Protein backbone atom coordinates (compact mmCIF):
# COMPACT_ATOMS: atom_id res chain seq x y z
CA MET A 1 -31.53 -12.05 -15.18
CA PRO A 2 -29.79 -12.98 -11.88
CA ASP A 3 -27.11 -10.64 -10.59
CA PRO A 4 -23.77 -12.54 -10.87
CA TYR A 5 -22.13 -10.46 -8.09
CA LYS A 6 -24.74 -10.55 -5.34
CA THR A 7 -23.63 -13.80 -3.72
CA ALA A 8 -19.91 -13.30 -4.49
CA ILE A 9 -19.45 -10.14 -2.40
CA ASP A 10 -19.33 -10.87 1.32
CA PRO A 11 -21.37 -8.19 3.13
CA ARG A 12 -18.63 -7.97 5.78
CA ARG A 13 -16.51 -6.16 3.20
CA ILE A 14 -19.01 -3.31 3.06
CA THR A 15 -19.32 -0.37 5.47
CA LEU A 16 -21.98 2.30 5.07
CA LEU A 17 -20.27 5.64 5.74
CA SER A 18 -23.22 7.87 4.87
CA GLY A 19 -26.66 6.56 5.74
CA CYS A 20 -28.73 8.64 3.32
CA PRO A 21 -31.42 6.76 1.35
CA GLU A 22 -30.55 5.47 -2.12
CA LYS A 23 -31.95 7.41 -5.05
CA ALA A 24 -32.68 6.56 -8.64
CA GLY A 25 -29.59 7.71 -10.50
CA THR A 26 -26.08 6.86 -11.62
CA VAL A 27 -23.91 4.61 -9.46
CA VAL A 28 -20.52 6.27 -8.96
CA TYR A 29 -17.42 4.34 -7.91
CA TRP A 30 -14.90 6.75 -6.40
CA MET A 31 -11.69 4.81 -7.06
CA SER A 32 -8.77 5.63 -4.78
CA ARG A 33 -6.59 2.93 -3.24
CA ASP A 34 -7.44 0.07 -5.60
CA GLN A 35 -6.58 1.32 -9.06
CA ARG A 36 -7.52 -1.64 -11.24
CA VAL A 37 -10.36 -3.23 -13.18
CA GLN A 38 -9.77 -6.93 -12.47
CA SER A 39 -10.20 -8.56 -9.05
CA ASN A 40 -11.63 -5.44 -7.43
CA TRP A 41 -14.42 -5.99 -4.89
CA ALA A 42 -15.30 -2.29 -4.81
CA LEU A 43 -15.85 -2.18 -8.57
CA LEU A 44 -17.78 -5.46 -8.44
CA PHE A 45 -20.03 -4.07 -5.69
CA ALA A 46 -20.64 -0.90 -7.70
CA ARG A 47 -21.46 -3.08 -10.72
CA HIS A 48 -23.88 -5.07 -8.54
CA LYS A 49 -25.58 -1.86 -7.39
CA ALA A 50 -25.91 -0.65 -10.97
CA ALA A 51 -27.50 -3.95 -12.02
CA MET A 52 -29.84 -4.06 -9.02
CA LEU A 53 -30.99 -0.45 -9.50
CA LYS A 54 -30.89 -0.65 -13.33
CA GLN A 55 -28.76 2.48 -13.46
CA PRO A 56 -25.58 3.55 -15.29
CA LEU A 57 -22.16 3.08 -13.66
CA VAL A 58 -19.23 5.49 -13.82
CA VAL A 59 -15.81 5.51 -12.17
CA VAL A 60 -14.13 8.70 -10.91
CA PHE A 61 -10.64 9.36 -9.56
CA THR A 62 -9.73 12.60 -7.75
CA LEU A 63 -6.19 13.87 -8.29
CA SER A 64 -4.92 15.81 -5.30
CA PRO A 65 -2.01 18.18 -6.05
CA SER A 66 -0.01 16.81 -3.08
CA PHE A 67 -0.05 13.55 -1.16
CA LEU A 68 2.12 12.85 1.90
CA GLY A 69 5.43 13.77 0.30
CA ALA A 70 4.88 11.87 -2.96
CA SER A 71 7.26 13.00 -5.70
CA PRO A 72 6.39 13.84 -9.33
CA ALA A 73 7.83 10.44 -10.28
CA HIS A 74 5.35 8.71 -7.96
CA TYR A 75 2.50 10.64 -9.58
CA ARG A 76 3.82 9.65 -13.00
CA PHE A 77 3.78 5.96 -12.02
CA MET A 78 0.23 6.27 -10.72
CA LEU A 79 -1.08 8.22 -13.72
CA LYS A 80 0.40 5.76 -16.21
CA GLY A 81 -1.40 2.98 -14.36
CA LEU A 82 -4.65 4.94 -14.35
CA GLN A 83 -4.44 5.41 -18.11
CA GLU A 84 -4.50 1.63 -18.43
CA THR A 85 -7.40 1.48 -15.97
CA GLU A 86 -9.37 3.93 -18.11
CA THR A 87 -8.84 1.73 -21.18
CA GLY A 88 -10.03 -1.37 -19.33
CA LEU A 89 -13.14 0.37 -18.04
CA VAL A 90 -14.11 1.91 -21.37
CA LYS A 91 -13.91 -1.56 -22.97
CA ARG A 92 -16.63 -2.56 -20.49
CA ASN A 93 -18.79 0.50 -21.28
CA ILE A 94 -17.88 2.09 -17.95
CA PRO A 95 -16.84 5.76 -18.28
CA PHE A 96 -13.79 6.98 -16.34
CA PHE A 97 -13.60 10.56 -15.04
CA LEU A 98 -10.54 12.32 -13.67
CA LEU A 99 -11.17 15.25 -11.31
CA PHE A 100 -8.62 17.73 -9.98
CA GLY A 101 -8.54 18.99 -6.39
CA ASP A 102 -9.62 18.06 -2.89
CA PRO A 103 -12.30 15.33 -3.02
CA ALA A 104 -14.62 17.13 -0.60
CA GLU A 105 -14.54 20.18 -2.88
CA VAL A 106 -14.93 18.54 -6.29
CA LEU A 107 -16.95 15.35 -5.75
CA PRO A 108 -20.30 16.82 -4.58
CA GLY A 109 -20.63 18.90 -7.74
CA PHE A 110 -19.65 15.94 -9.91
CA LEU A 111 -22.29 13.77 -8.23
CA GLY A 112 -24.87 16.41 -9.06
CA GLU A 113 -23.79 16.51 -12.71
CA MET A 114 -24.04 12.71 -12.88
CA ASN A 115 -27.45 12.69 -11.16
CA ALA A 116 -25.89 10.14 -8.80
CA GLY A 117 -28.03 7.93 -6.60
CA VAL A 118 -25.32 5.85 -4.90
CA MET A 119 -21.57 6.24 -4.37
CA VAL A 120 -19.09 3.45 -3.66
CA THR A 121 -15.44 3.81 -2.66
CA ASP A 122 -12.60 1.50 -1.62
CA TYR A 123 -11.18 1.06 1.87
CA SER A 124 -8.04 2.61 3.33
CA PRO A 125 -6.96 3.01 6.96
CA MET A 126 -4.88 6.10 6.14
CA LYS A 127 -5.83 9.28 8.00
CA ILE A 128 -5.90 11.40 4.86
CA SER A 129 -8.27 8.96 3.18
CA ARG A 130 -10.58 8.93 6.17
CA GLN A 131 -10.55 12.73 6.25
CA TRP A 132 -11.47 12.87 2.57
CA LYS A 133 -14.37 10.46 3.07
CA ALA A 134 -15.65 12.30 6.12
CA GLY A 135 -15.52 15.58 4.21
CA VAL A 136 -17.40 14.11 1.26
CA SER A 137 -19.99 12.41 3.50
CA GLN A 138 -20.89 15.74 5.09
CA ARG A 139 -21.59 17.33 1.71
CA ILE A 140 -23.68 14.70 -0.05
CA SER A 141 -27.24 13.41 0.32
CA ILE A 142 -26.79 9.91 -1.12
CA PRO A 143 -25.33 6.78 0.56
CA LEU A 144 -21.57 6.28 0.50
CA TYR A 145 -20.48 2.64 0.73
CA GLU A 146 -16.88 1.72 1.53
CA VAL A 147 -15.71 -1.70 0.29
CA ASP A 148 -12.51 -3.35 1.53
CA ALA A 149 -10.99 -4.43 -1.77
CA HIS A 150 -7.41 -4.33 -0.49
CA ASN A 151 -7.37 -6.99 2.22
CA ILE A 152 -8.22 -10.66 1.81
CA VAL A 153 -9.95 -10.64 5.19
CA PRO A 154 -11.60 -7.22 5.63
CA CYS A 155 -9.66 -5.17 8.18
CA ARG A 156 -12.57 -4.47 10.50
CA THR A 157 -13.67 -8.12 10.35
CA ALA A 158 -10.21 -9.54 11.05
CA SER A 159 -9.99 -7.67 14.36
CA GLN A 160 -11.80 -4.88 16.18
CA LYS A 161 -8.68 -3.67 18.00
CA GLN A 162 -4.99 -2.95 17.49
CA GLU A 163 -3.19 -6.29 17.59
CA TYR A 164 -0.12 -6.66 19.79
CA ALA A 165 1.90 -8.81 17.39
CA ALA A 166 1.70 -11.17 14.44
CA ARG A 167 1.27 -14.08 16.86
CA THR A 168 -2.00 -12.58 18.17
CA PHE A 169 -3.22 -11.63 14.70
CA ARG A 170 -2.27 -14.79 12.77
CA PRO A 171 -4.89 -17.10 14.33
CA LYS A 172 -7.68 -14.62 13.60
CA ILE A 173 -6.75 -14.29 9.94
CA THR A 174 -6.14 -18.02 9.52
CA ALA A 175 -9.57 -18.83 10.95
CA LEU A 176 -11.26 -16.56 8.39
CA LEU A 177 -9.24 -17.27 5.24
CA GLY A 178 -11.51 -20.12 4.18
CA GLU A 179 -14.47 -17.73 4.13
CA PHE A 180 -12.76 -14.95 2.15
CA LEU A 181 -10.00 -16.45 0.00
CA LYS A 182 -12.22 -17.22 -2.99
CA PRO A 183 -12.00 -16.54 -6.75
CA PHE A 184 -13.32 -13.29 -8.20
CA PRO A 185 -16.14 -13.10 -10.74
CA GLU A 186 -15.29 -11.39 -14.01
CA PRO A 187 -16.37 -7.70 -14.14
CA SER A 188 -18.86 -7.78 -17.01
CA ALA A 189 -19.55 -4.90 -19.37
CA MET A 190 -22.43 -2.52 -18.84
CA PRO A 191 -25.29 -3.04 -21.31
CA SER A 192 -24.62 0.26 -23.04
CA ALA A 193 -21.98 2.95 -22.99
CA THR A 194 -22.51 6.27 -21.20
CA PRO A 195 -21.15 9.20 -23.23
CA CYS A 196 -17.89 10.49 -21.73
CA MET A 197 -14.98 12.65 -22.82
CA PRO A 198 -11.53 11.06 -22.36
CA ALA A 199 -9.72 12.11 -19.20
CA ASN A 200 -7.51 15.18 -19.52
CA TRP A 201 -4.17 13.38 -19.17
CA PRO A 202 -1.98 16.29 -20.31
CA ARG A 203 -3.44 18.41 -17.51
CA ALA A 204 -2.97 15.51 -15.07
CA PHE A 205 0.73 15.14 -15.83
CA ASP A 206 1.14 18.90 -15.71
CA THR A 207 -0.73 19.17 -12.38
CA ALA A 208 1.55 16.54 -10.88
CA LYS A 209 4.60 18.43 -12.19
CA THR A 210 5.95 15.24 -13.72
CA GLY A 211 7.54 16.91 -16.74
CA SER A 212 6.93 13.81 -18.87
CA ALA A 213 5.17 10.47 -18.87
CA CYS A 214 8.45 8.52 -18.82
CA ILE A 215 9.14 6.15 -15.92
CA PRO A 216 12.60 6.62 -14.32
CA PRO A 217 15.24 4.07 -15.40
CA GLY A 218 15.44 1.19 -12.92
CA TRP A 219 11.79 1.51 -11.86
CA PRO A 220 9.20 -1.16 -12.73
CA GLU A 221 6.61 -0.52 -15.42
CA PRO A 222 3.26 0.52 -13.90
CA GLY A 223 -0.23 -0.87 -14.47
CA GLU A 224 -2.30 -4.05 -14.25
CA LYS A 225 -0.58 -5.82 -17.15
CA ALA A 226 2.89 -5.20 -15.73
CA ALA A 227 1.70 -6.29 -12.27
CA GLY A 228 0.31 -9.51 -13.72
CA ALA A 229 3.57 -10.19 -15.57
CA CYS A 230 5.55 -9.56 -12.37
CA LEU A 231 3.38 -12.02 -10.44
CA ALA A 232 3.69 -14.65 -13.18
CA SER A 233 7.47 -14.28 -13.22
CA PHE A 234 7.67 -14.62 -9.45
CA LEU A 235 5.47 -17.70 -9.30
CA SER A 236 7.28 -19.49 -12.11
CA LYS A 237 10.87 -18.53 -11.24
CA ARG A 238 11.46 -17.06 -7.79
CA LEU A 239 8.82 -18.51 -5.47
CA ARG A 240 10.71 -21.83 -5.41
CA ILE A 241 13.63 -20.21 -3.59
CA TYR A 242 11.65 -17.63 -1.62
CA GLY A 243 11.55 -19.70 1.56
CA GLU A 244 15.34 -20.03 1.76
CA LYS A 245 16.65 -16.96 -0.03
CA ARG A 246 14.17 -14.13 0.61
CA ASN A 247 16.51 -12.40 3.10
CA ASP A 248 19.42 -12.36 0.64
CA PRO A 249 19.25 -9.13 -1.40
CA ASN A 250 21.62 -10.65 -4.00
CA ALA A 251 19.45 -13.72 -4.69
CA ASP A 252 16.52 -12.02 -6.49
CA ALA A 253 14.14 -14.29 -4.60
CA ILE A 254 11.47 -11.71 -3.69
CA SER A 255 8.20 -10.97 -5.47
CA HIS A 256 8.81 -7.28 -6.43
CA LEU A 257 5.04 -6.82 -6.01
CA SER A 258 5.05 -4.11 -3.33
CA PRO A 259 4.66 -1.10 -5.68
CA TYR A 260 1.79 -2.82 -7.48
CA LEU A 261 0.06 -3.75 -4.23
CA HIS A 262 0.51 -0.21 -2.93
CA PHE A 263 -1.11 1.44 -5.97
CA GLY A 264 -3.73 -1.28 -6.21
CA HIS A 265 -2.58 -2.42 -9.65
CA ILE A 266 -2.98 -6.00 -8.45
CA SER A 267 -5.08 -7.67 -5.78
CA ALA A 268 -3.38 -9.44 -2.87
CA GLN A 269 -6.22 -11.95 -2.98
CA GLU A 270 -5.47 -12.78 -6.62
CA CYS A 271 -1.77 -13.16 -5.74
CA ALA A 272 -2.64 -15.55 -2.91
CA LEU A 273 -4.96 -17.66 -5.07
CA ARG A 274 -2.34 -17.94 -7.80
CA ALA A 275 0.39 -18.79 -5.28
CA LEU A 276 -1.69 -21.69 -3.93
CA GLU A 277 -1.65 -23.25 -7.40
CA ALA A 278 2.05 -22.63 -8.05
CA ASP A 279 4.64 -25.38 -8.30
CA ALA A 280 6.80 -24.47 -5.31
CA PRO A 281 7.86 -25.95 -1.95
CA ASP A 282 5.46 -25.55 0.94
CA ILE A 283 8.12 -23.68 2.93
CA SER A 284 8.20 -21.00 0.23
CA LYS A 285 4.42 -20.73 -0.03
CA LYS A 286 4.12 -20.47 3.75
CA ALA A 287 6.76 -17.73 3.90
CA PHE A 288 5.10 -15.81 1.06
CA PHE A 289 1.68 -16.04 2.73
CA GLU A 290 3.19 -14.74 5.97
CA GLU A 291 4.36 -11.57 4.19
CA LEU A 292 1.49 -11.14 1.73
CA VAL A 293 -1.36 -11.90 4.10
CA ILE A 294 -0.40 -11.82 7.79
CA ARG A 295 2.20 -9.02 7.86
CA ARG A 296 0.57 -6.86 5.18
CA GLU A 297 -2.90 -7.04 6.73
CA LEU A 298 -1.40 -6.55 10.21
CA SER A 299 -0.09 -3.22 8.89
CA ASP A 300 -3.62 -2.15 7.94
CA ASN A 301 -4.75 -3.20 11.42
CA TYR A 302 -2.06 -1.00 13.01
CA CYS A 303 -3.04 2.06 10.98
CA GLN A 304 -6.77 1.45 11.40
CA TYR A 305 -6.64 1.39 15.20
CA ASN A 306 -3.71 3.69 15.97
CA GLU A 307 -4.24 7.33 14.98
CA GLN A 308 -0.52 8.03 15.59
CA TYR A 309 0.74 5.28 13.27
CA ASP A 310 3.07 7.71 11.48
CA SER A 311 4.53 9.18 14.68
CA PHE A 312 6.94 8.24 17.45
CA ASP A 313 4.03 8.84 19.84
CA GLY A 314 2.25 5.77 18.44
CA ILE A 315 4.83 3.18 19.54
CA PRO A 316 4.35 0.89 22.58
CA ALA A 317 4.94 2.30 26.07
CA TRP A 318 7.83 -0.10 26.81
CA ALA A 319 9.66 0.99 23.65
CA LYS A 320 9.06 4.69 24.20
CA GLU A 321 10.26 4.48 27.80
CA SER A 322 13.39 2.54 26.79
CA LEU A 323 14.29 4.86 23.90
CA GLU A 324 13.74 7.99 25.98
CA LYS A 325 15.96 6.53 28.70
CA HIS A 326 18.79 6.27 26.14
CA ALA A 327 17.95 9.44 24.17
CA ARG A 328 21.08 11.24 25.44
CA ASP A 329 23.47 8.34 24.94
CA PRO A 330 26.54 9.36 22.89
CA ARG A 331 26.21 8.64 19.16
CA GLU A 332 29.36 7.68 17.29
CA HIS A 333 27.91 9.33 14.17
CA LEU A 334 25.19 11.95 13.68
CA TYR A 335 23.52 12.75 10.37
CA GLY A 336 20.67 14.96 9.20
CA GLU A 337 17.91 14.05 6.77
CA GLU A 338 19.64 15.36 3.65
CA THR A 339 22.89 13.51 4.40
CA PHE A 340 20.86 10.33 4.72
CA ALA A 341 18.94 11.17 1.55
CA GLU A 342 22.16 11.62 -0.43
CA ALA A 343 23.65 8.34 0.89
CA ARG A 344 26.67 10.13 2.39
CA THR A 345 27.11 8.25 5.68
CA HIS A 346 30.30 6.46 6.76
CA ASP A 347 28.62 3.04 6.28
CA ARG A 348 29.05 1.60 2.77
CA LEU A 349 26.30 -0.98 3.31
CA TRP A 350 23.76 1.62 4.47
CA ASN A 351 24.70 3.90 1.57
CA ALA A 352 24.11 1.02 -0.85
CA ALA A 353 20.63 0.49 0.58
CA GLN A 354 19.80 4.19 0.18
CA ARG A 355 21.14 4.15 -3.39
CA GLU A 356 18.97 1.11 -4.14
CA LEU A 357 16.02 3.21 -2.98
CA LEU A 358 17.07 6.17 -5.12
CA GLU A 359 17.70 4.09 -8.24
CA THR A 360 14.85 1.56 -8.12
CA GLY A 361 12.19 3.15 -5.92
CA LYS A 362 12.43 0.36 -3.35
CA ILE A 363 14.77 -1.37 -0.88
CA HIS A 364 15.02 -5.10 -0.40
CA GLY A 365 12.90 -5.96 2.67
CA TYR A 366 15.76 -7.23 4.82
CA MET A 367 17.90 -4.20 3.99
CA ARG A 368 15.01 -1.86 4.74
CA MET A 369 15.10 -3.05 8.36
CA TYR A 370 18.83 -2.37 8.57
CA TRP A 371 18.31 0.99 6.83
CA ALA A 372 15.74 2.15 9.42
CA LYS A 373 17.62 0.88 12.46
CA LYS A 374 20.80 2.70 11.48
CA ILE A 375 18.81 5.93 11.10
CA LEU A 376 17.85 5.41 14.76
CA GLU A 377 21.50 4.83 15.72
CA TRP A 378 22.80 7.92 13.88
CA SER A 379 20.09 10.49 14.65
CA ALA A 380 20.09 13.08 17.42
CA SER A 381 16.97 11.61 19.05
CA PRO A 382 14.59 8.66 18.52
CA GLU A 383 11.82 11.11 17.59
CA LYS A 384 14.04 12.64 14.90
CA ALA A 385 14.99 9.18 13.65
CA PHE A 386 11.35 8.17 13.31
CA ASP A 387 10.45 11.32 11.41
CA THR A 388 13.49 10.99 9.13
CA ALA A 389 12.76 7.37 8.24
CA VAL A 390 9.11 8.15 7.48
CA ALA A 391 10.03 11.22 5.39
CA LEU A 392 12.66 9.36 3.34
CA ASN A 393 10.41 6.37 2.77
CA ASP A 394 7.49 8.57 1.70
CA ARG A 395 9.73 10.74 -0.48
CA TYR A 396 11.60 8.03 -2.37
CA ALA A 397 9.86 4.65 -2.06
CA LEU A 398 7.34 3.64 -4.68
CA ASP A 399 5.47 1.80 -1.94
CA GLY A 400 5.82 4.65 0.54
CA ARG A 401 2.86 6.53 2.02
CA ASP A 402 1.44 3.10 2.84
CA PRO A 403 0.50 1.15 5.99
CA ASN A 404 3.34 -1.29 5.27
CA GLY A 405 5.86 1.56 5.27
CA TYR A 406 4.63 3.21 8.46
CA THR A 407 4.40 -0.11 10.27
CA GLY A 408 7.86 -1.10 9.03
CA VAL A 409 9.38 2.08 10.47
CA ALA A 410 7.42 1.60 13.69
CA TRP A 411 8.72 -1.99 13.97
CA SER A 412 12.34 -1.13 13.19
CA ILE A 413 12.61 1.99 15.36
CA GLY A 414 9.71 1.69 17.81
CA GLY A 415 9.33 -2.02 18.58
CA VAL A 416 5.77 -2.26 17.22
CA HIS A 417 4.70 -5.93 16.87
CA ASP A 418 8.03 -6.91 18.46
CA ARG A 419 9.18 -7.59 22.04
CA PRO A 420 11.83 -6.05 24.33
CA TRP A 421 15.37 -7.30 23.66
CA PHE A 422 18.66 -7.04 25.56
CA GLU A 423 19.28 -3.44 26.54
CA ARG A 424 22.11 -1.56 24.84
CA PRO A 425 23.16 2.08 24.28
CA VAL A 426 20.98 4.24 21.99
CA PHE A 427 18.68 1.33 21.05
CA GLY A 428 17.55 0.58 24.58
CA LYS A 429 15.47 -2.60 24.30
CA ILE A 430 14.77 -2.23 20.57
CA ARG A 431 15.98 -5.14 18.43
CA TYR A 432 19.50 -4.42 17.15
CA MET A 433 21.03 -5.00 13.72
CA ASN A 434 24.55 -4.38 12.45
CA ALA A 435 26.61 -4.78 9.30
CA ALA A 436 28.42 -7.84 10.66
CA GLY A 437 25.09 -9.63 11.08
CA CYS A 438 24.14 -8.77 7.50
CA ALA A 439 27.49 -10.09 6.26
CA ARG A 440 26.78 -13.43 7.95
CA LYS A 441 23.49 -13.74 6.08
CA PHE A 442 24.58 -12.69 2.57
CA ASP A 443 27.49 -11.36 0.52
CA ALA A 444 27.40 -7.75 1.68
CA GLU A 445 30.29 -6.72 -0.58
CA SER A 446 28.43 -7.96 -3.64
CA TYR A 447 25.40 -5.88 -2.63
CA ILE A 448 27.61 -2.83 -2.11
CA ARG A 449 29.23 -3.27 -5.53
CA ARG A 450 25.80 -3.55 -7.13
CA TYR A 451 24.73 -0.17 -5.78
CA GLY A 452 28.14 1.49 -5.76
CA SER A 453 28.59 5.24 -5.65
């Protein structure tokens, strides 16, 4: 019987991290960044390997007790989504295993228990993910394949260097979209089920110190089904006005997909394919593609090729020089991280943005730029501002701890993917934003009332 996945998976998505020879034995998909069953190239590649080698397939997820400042509520959101993933896999006769601890410590033993012959994982440019994979690779004697299931155009294929700006990156992505933006095959069931005990979810929730499985009020519901419903709602209702209203936080014109894309509950490629078929103006589709494809994949490019993506030291030389020149400029207001966290600044608009983050787990994209730039203006130094913005985003945002978040802070505070602007106190040549500019774009008072104290 022909393998339905062999021709569907572009080999440019696949990177061999550990060059050991394949063995007869179970194919293991180490799921990490892309936590879903549908539209998942890494799972489809693992399924292809299992069919080619005529071996069983299992999926494993390793639960680390801490992850870049993630809160118990973030773990709760992730675990609820993984419970749905387990159900979807079991329906296809694919066992799901949940391990506890550092991947390099727990995966080698698990592979031995499974008599594994091949391991597959998904791609991430994050340093912690690369460290995990390097640690695992050193301790195993089977091949480890990494599959880019997160980007439409695989990150390493799109560019082999850090791109200067969207204008240098856009032509490269656009030239390759026709080769990669294609429908997914359906992940078929394995011929027979492999015996497996259900994952120990009570221990998982306890390990993550979540207290309960309840999602905080105001947060979206996690999982593939909720992500699909969110996409459907956006395409049928909000995409029509996205082109004109996306920068108005009162208009509800945005997709609300960022948490689902971050946790891998939905594929950006599936979102793009569905958006192409939607009944919406071209201006809205073009604007959505710019954010979903160009800007989002540019963020992966930045983190892939800049080891200091989460640090002030990673920003361009012109921006660093300009900010350091103005580092001792007088600040009208100075706040520490906890004052920012508690939304206790003098600025009602900034406080509303922080309260939106606290209540919903996200900030409207336009307001997130204002939010970060004011942290720069009211911090003792640009280095402190960068660290504060990263810490708050990682601590409170559902889509924090993500290339989009780090690149967003680096753009707002450090001029990454931007150009020098007119020089001014504190900001130097970094692009400036103020409350008056926001008020010209949307009803700022309405936004403030919505997230009042």
